[in-house]
Amino acid sequence: FNLVTPRYGEEFREKAGTVTTDWRFVLEKIYTRKYQDKQLREGDPRKFRDLAAAIAPKPNYAQRTSAFDIDYLNKVPVRGRR
């Protein structure tokens, strides 16, 4: 039984990258959009926030024309000659 195996030494672990956590990959995984969407549960409203904003009706702000400026008699359709 060999207790001193070279593959479990510090040199091998440094070469393989198993000594410490590579924080670059950890942070990239946390901050990517795909990972964030994957973490949300089904039915979570945050999944549909972009969709709801896209189909939300635009607010109707006050019109610039006054009601006194509109000729309502010309807007009524004529159904026949009188």
N, C-alpha and C. Protein backbone atom coordinates (compact mmCIF):
# COMPACT_ATOMS: atom_id res chain seq x y z
N PHE A 1 0.84 -1.18 0.00
CA PHE A 1 0.00 0.00 0.00
C PHE A 1 0.88 1.23 0.00
N ASN A 2 0.73 2.09 -0.97
CA ASN A 2 1.59 3.26 -1.12
C ASN A 2 0.84 4.49 -0.61
N LEU A 3 1.30 5.05 0.49
CA LEU A 3 0.66 6.24 1.05
C LEU A 3 1.09 7.52 0.36
N VAL A 4 2.24 7.50 -0.29
CA VAL A 4 2.76 8.70 -0.95
C VAL A 4 2.54 8.53 -2.45
N THR A 5 1.39 8.96 -2.93
CA THR A 5 1.12 8.87 -4.36
C THR A 5 1.26 10.26 -4.96
N PRO A 6 1.93 10.37 -6.09
CA PRO A 6 2.18 11.69 -6.67
C PRO A 6 0.91 12.40 -7.14
N ARG A 7 -0.14 11.68 -7.50
CA ARG A 7 -1.33 12.35 -8.00
C ARG A 7 -2.13 13.05 -6.91
N TYR A 8 -1.89 12.75 -5.66
CA TYR A 8 -2.57 13.43 -4.58
C TYR A 8 -1.71 14.50 -3.92
N GLY A 9 -0.54 14.75 -4.47
CA GLY A 9 0.35 15.76 -3.92
C GLY A 9 -0.11 17.16 -4.29
N GLU A 10 0.52 18.16 -3.69
CA GLU A 10 0.15 19.55 -3.94
C GLU A 10 0.41 19.95 -5.38
N GLU A 11 1.48 19.42 -5.96
CA GLU A 11 1.78 19.78 -7.35
C GLU A 11 0.66 19.35 -8.28
N PHE A 12 0.18 18.12 -8.09
CA PHE A 12 -0.88 17.63 -8.96
C PHE A 12 -2.17 18.41 -8.74
N ARG A 13 -2.49 18.70 -7.49
CA ARG A 13 -3.72 19.44 -7.21
C ARG A 13 -3.67 20.85 -7.78
N GLU A 14 -2.52 21.49 -7.74
CA GLU A 14 -2.40 22.83 -8.34
C GLU A 14 -2.55 22.76 -9.85
N LYS A 15 -1.96 21.72 -10.44
CA LYS A 15 -2.04 21.56 -11.89
C LYS A 15 -3.47 21.27 -12.33
N ALA A 16 -4.18 20.47 -11.57
CA ALA A 16 -5.55 20.10 -11.92
C ALA A 16 -6.56 21.19 -11.56
N GLY A 17 -6.16 22.12 -10.70
CA GLY A 17 -7.06 23.20 -10.33
C GLY A 17 -8.05 22.83 -9.25
N THR A 18 -7.74 21.81 -8.47
CA THR A 18 -8.67 21.37 -7.43
C THR A 18 -8.31 21.90 -6.05
N VAL A 19 -7.28 22.72 -5.98
CA VAL A 19 -6.84 23.21 -4.67
C VAL A 19 -7.81 24.26 -4.14
N THR A 20 -8.11 25.25 -4.94
CA THR A 20 -9.00 26.32 -4.51
C THR A 20 -10.15 26.47 -5.49
N THR A 21 -11.16 27.17 -5.07
CA THR A 21 -12.31 27.43 -5.93
C THR A 21 -11.96 28.53 -6.91
N ASP A 22 -12.28 28.32 -8.17
CA ASP A 22 -12.04 29.34 -9.18
C ASP A 22 -13.24 30.29 -9.17
N TRP A 23 -13.07 31.42 -8.53
CA TRP A 23 -14.17 32.36 -8.32
C TRP A 23 -14.65 33.01 -9.60
N ARG A 24 -13.83 32.99 -10.63
CA ARG A 24 -14.25 33.57 -11.90
C ARG A 24 -15.46 32.82 -12.44
N PHE A 25 -15.41 31.49 -12.38
CA PHE A 25 -16.53 30.69 -12.88
C PHE A 25 -17.73 30.77 -11.96
N VAL A 26 -17.48 30.86 -10.67
CA VAL A 26 -18.59 30.96 -9.72
C VAL A 26 -19.36 32.25 -9.94
N LEU A 27 -18.65 33.36 -10.06
CA LEU A 27 -19.33 34.65 -10.27
C LEU A 27 -20.01 34.72 -11.62
N GLU A 28 -19.38 34.15 -12.64
CA GLU A 28 -19.99 34.15 -13.96
C GLU A 28 -21.29 33.35 -13.94
N LYS A 29 -21.29 32.25 -13.22
CA LYS A 29 -22.48 31.42 -13.13
C LYS A 29 -23.60 32.12 -12.38
N ILE A 30 -23.25 32.86 -11.34
CA ILE A 30 -24.27 33.55 -10.54
C ILE A 30 -24.89 34.70 -11.31
N TYR A 31 -24.07 35.45 -12.02
CA TYR A 31 -24.56 36.69 -12.62
C TYR A 31 -25.05 36.55 -14.05
N THR A 32 -25.06 35.38 -14.60
CA THR A 32 -25.59 35.25 -15.96
C THR A 32 -27.11 35.21 -15.91
N ARG A 33 -27.71 35.70 -16.94
CA ARG A 33 -29.18 35.76 -17.03
C ARG A 33 -29.78 34.36 -17.02
N LYS A 34 -29.12 33.45 -17.71
CA LYS A 34 -29.64 32.09 -17.79
C LYS A 34 -29.69 31.45 -16.41
N TYR A 35 -28.69 31.67 -15.63
CA TYR A 35 -28.65 31.09 -14.29
C TYR A 35 -29.72 31.72 -13.40
N GLN A 36 -29.95 33.02 -13.55
CA GLN A 36 -30.97 33.69 -12.75
C GLN A 36 -32.36 33.16 -13.10
N ASP A 37 -32.63 32.96 -14.39
CA ASP A 37 -33.93 32.43 -14.79
C ASP A 37 -34.11 31.00 -14.30
N LYS A 38 -33.03 30.25 -14.28
CA LYS A 38 -33.11 28.87 -13.84
C LYS A 38 -33.42 28.77 -12.34
N GLN A 39 -33.02 29.76 -11.59
CA GLN A 39 -33.21 29.72 -10.14
C GLN A 39 -34.63 30.07 -9.73
N LEU A 40 -35.40 30.72 -10.59
CA LEU A 40 -36.76 31.11 -10.24
C LEU A 40 -37.68 29.90 -10.31
N ARG A 41 -38.61 29.81 -9.38
CA ARG A 41 -39.56 28.71 -9.38
C ARG A 41 -40.63 28.94 -10.44
N GLU A 42 -41.33 27.88 -10.77
CA GLU A 42 -42.41 27.98 -11.74
C GLU A 42 -43.53 28.86 -11.18
N GLY A 43 -44.05 29.72 -12.02
CA GLY A 43 -45.12 30.61 -11.61
C GLY A 43 -44.64 31.88 -10.94
N ASP A 44 -43.34 32.05 -10.86
CA ASP A 44 -42.79 33.26 -10.24
C ASP A 44 -43.05 34.44 -11.17
N PRO A 45 -43.67 35.52 -10.69
CA PRO A 45 -43.99 36.65 -11.57
C PRO A 45 -42.77 37.33 -12.16
N ARG A 46 -41.61 37.18 -11.54
CA ARG A 46 -40.41 37.82 -12.09
C ARG A 46 -40.01 37.22 -13.43
N LYS A 47 -40.45 35.99 -13.71
CA LYS A 47 -40.15 35.38 -15.00
C LYS A 47 -40.89 36.10 -16.13
N PHE A 48 -42.05 36.64 -15.83
CA PHE A 48 -42.91 37.23 -16.85
C PHE A 48 -42.90 38.74 -16.84
N ARG A 49 -41.97 39.34 -16.12
CA ARG A 49 -41.92 40.80 -16.00
C ARG A 49 -41.69 41.46 -17.36
N ASP A 50 -40.75 40.93 -18.15
CA ASP A 50 -40.47 41.52 -19.46
C ASP A 50 -41.65 41.36 -20.41
N LEU A 51 -42.29 40.21 -20.36
CA LEU A 51 -43.44 39.97 -21.22
C LEU A 51 -44.59 40.90 -20.86
N ALA A 52 -44.84 41.07 -19.58
CA ALA A 52 -45.92 41.96 -19.15
C ALA A 52 -45.64 43.40 -19.52
N ALA A 53 -44.39 43.81 -19.44
CA ALA A 53 -44.05 45.19 -19.81
C ALA A 53 -44.22 45.39 -21.31
N ALA A 54 -43.99 44.35 -22.11
CA ALA A 54 -44.11 44.48 -23.56
C ALA A 54 -45.56 44.60 -24.00
N ILE A 55 -46.47 43.92 -23.32
CA ILE A 55 -47.87 43.95 -23.76
C ILE A 55 -48.73 44.89 -22.93
N ALA A 56 -48.14 45.55 -21.97
CA ALA A 56 -48.91 46.47 -21.13
C ALA A 56 -49.42 47.64 -21.97
N PRO A 57 -50.66 48.04 -21.76
CA PRO A 57 -51.17 49.18 -22.52
C PRO A 57 -50.44 50.46 -22.14
N LYS A 58 -50.23 51.26 -23.13
CA LYS A 58 -49.57 52.55 -22.89
C LYS A 58 -50.57 53.49 -22.22
N PRO A 59 -50.14 54.26 -21.26
CA PRO A 59 -51.07 55.18 -20.61
C PRO A 59 -51.54 56.26 -21.59
N ASN A 60 -52.81 56.61 -21.49
CA ASN A 60 -53.38 57.62 -22.36
C ASN A 60 -53.30 58.97 -21.65
N TYR A 61 -52.36 59.75 -22.07
CA TYR A 61 -52.19 61.05 -21.45
C TYR A 61 -53.20 62.04 -22.02
N ALA A 62 -53.36 63.17 -21.39
CA ALA A 62 -54.32 64.19 -21.81
C ALA A 62 -54.04 64.61 -23.26
N GLN A 63 -55.12 64.78 -23.99
CA GLN A 63 -54.99 65.16 -25.38
C GLN A 63 -54.61 66.64 -25.48
N ARG A 64 -53.95 66.96 -26.56
CA ARG A 64 -53.54 68.36 -26.76
C ARG A 64 -54.65 69.20 -27.38
N THR A 65 -55.63 68.52 -27.96
CA THR A 65 -56.73 69.28 -28.56
C THR A 65 -57.86 69.43 -27.54
N SER A 66 -58.49 70.54 -27.58
CA SER A 66 -59.59 70.82 -26.66
C SER A 66 -60.89 70.29 -27.24
N ALA A 67 -61.85 70.01 -26.40
CA ALA A 67 -63.16 69.54 -26.86
C ALA A 67 -63.88 70.63 -27.64
N PHE A 68 -63.55 71.89 -27.38
CA PHE A 68 -64.19 72.99 -28.10
C PHE A 68 -63.68 73.10 -29.53
N ASP A 69 -62.51 72.53 -29.81
CA ASP A 69 -61.93 72.62 -31.16
C ASP A 69 -62.45 71.55 -32.10
N ILE A 70 -63.17 70.55 -31.61
CA ILE A 70 -63.64 69.45 -32.45
C ILE A 70 -65.04 69.77 -32.96
N ASP A 71 -65.23 69.60 -34.29
CA ASP A 71 -66.54 69.82 -34.91
C ASP A 71 -67.30 68.49 -34.90
N TYR A 72 -68.14 68.32 -33.88
CA TYR A 72 -68.83 67.04 -33.70
C TYR A 72 -69.90 66.80 -34.77
N LEU A 73 -70.49 67.85 -35.31
CA LEU A 73 -71.55 67.67 -36.31
C LEU A 73 -71.00 67.08 -37.61
N ASN A 74 -69.78 67.40 -37.95
CA ASN A 74 -69.18 66.82 -39.15
C ASN A 74 -68.67 65.40 -38.90
N LYS A 75 -68.49 65.02 -37.66
CA LYS A 75 -68.00 63.68 -37.33
C LYS A 75 -69.12 62.63 -37.36
N VAL A 76 -70.39 63.06 -37.24
CA VAL A 76 -71.51 62.12 -37.24
C VAL A 76 -71.74 61.63 -38.66
N PRO A 77 -71.81 60.31 -38.86
CA PRO A 77 -72.03 59.80 -40.23
C PRO A 77 -73.45 60.09 -40.71
N VAL A 78 -73.57 60.40 -41.98
CA VAL A 78 -74.87 60.68 -42.59
C VAL A 78 -75.39 59.38 -43.19
N ARG A 79 -76.60 58.97 -42.77
CA ARG A 79 -77.13 57.70 -43.24
C ARG A 79 -77.99 57.87 -44.49
N GLY A 80 -78.36 59.02 -44.79
CA GLY A 80 -79.17 59.24 -45.98
C GLY A 80 -79.47 60.72 -46.14
N ARG A 81 -79.92 61.08 -47.32
CA ARG A 81 -80.27 62.48 -47.57
C ARG A 81 -81.61 62.79 -46.94
N ARG A 82 -81.78 63.97 -46.42
CA ARG A 82 -83.06 64.38 -45.85
C ARG A 82 -83.65 65.48 -46.66
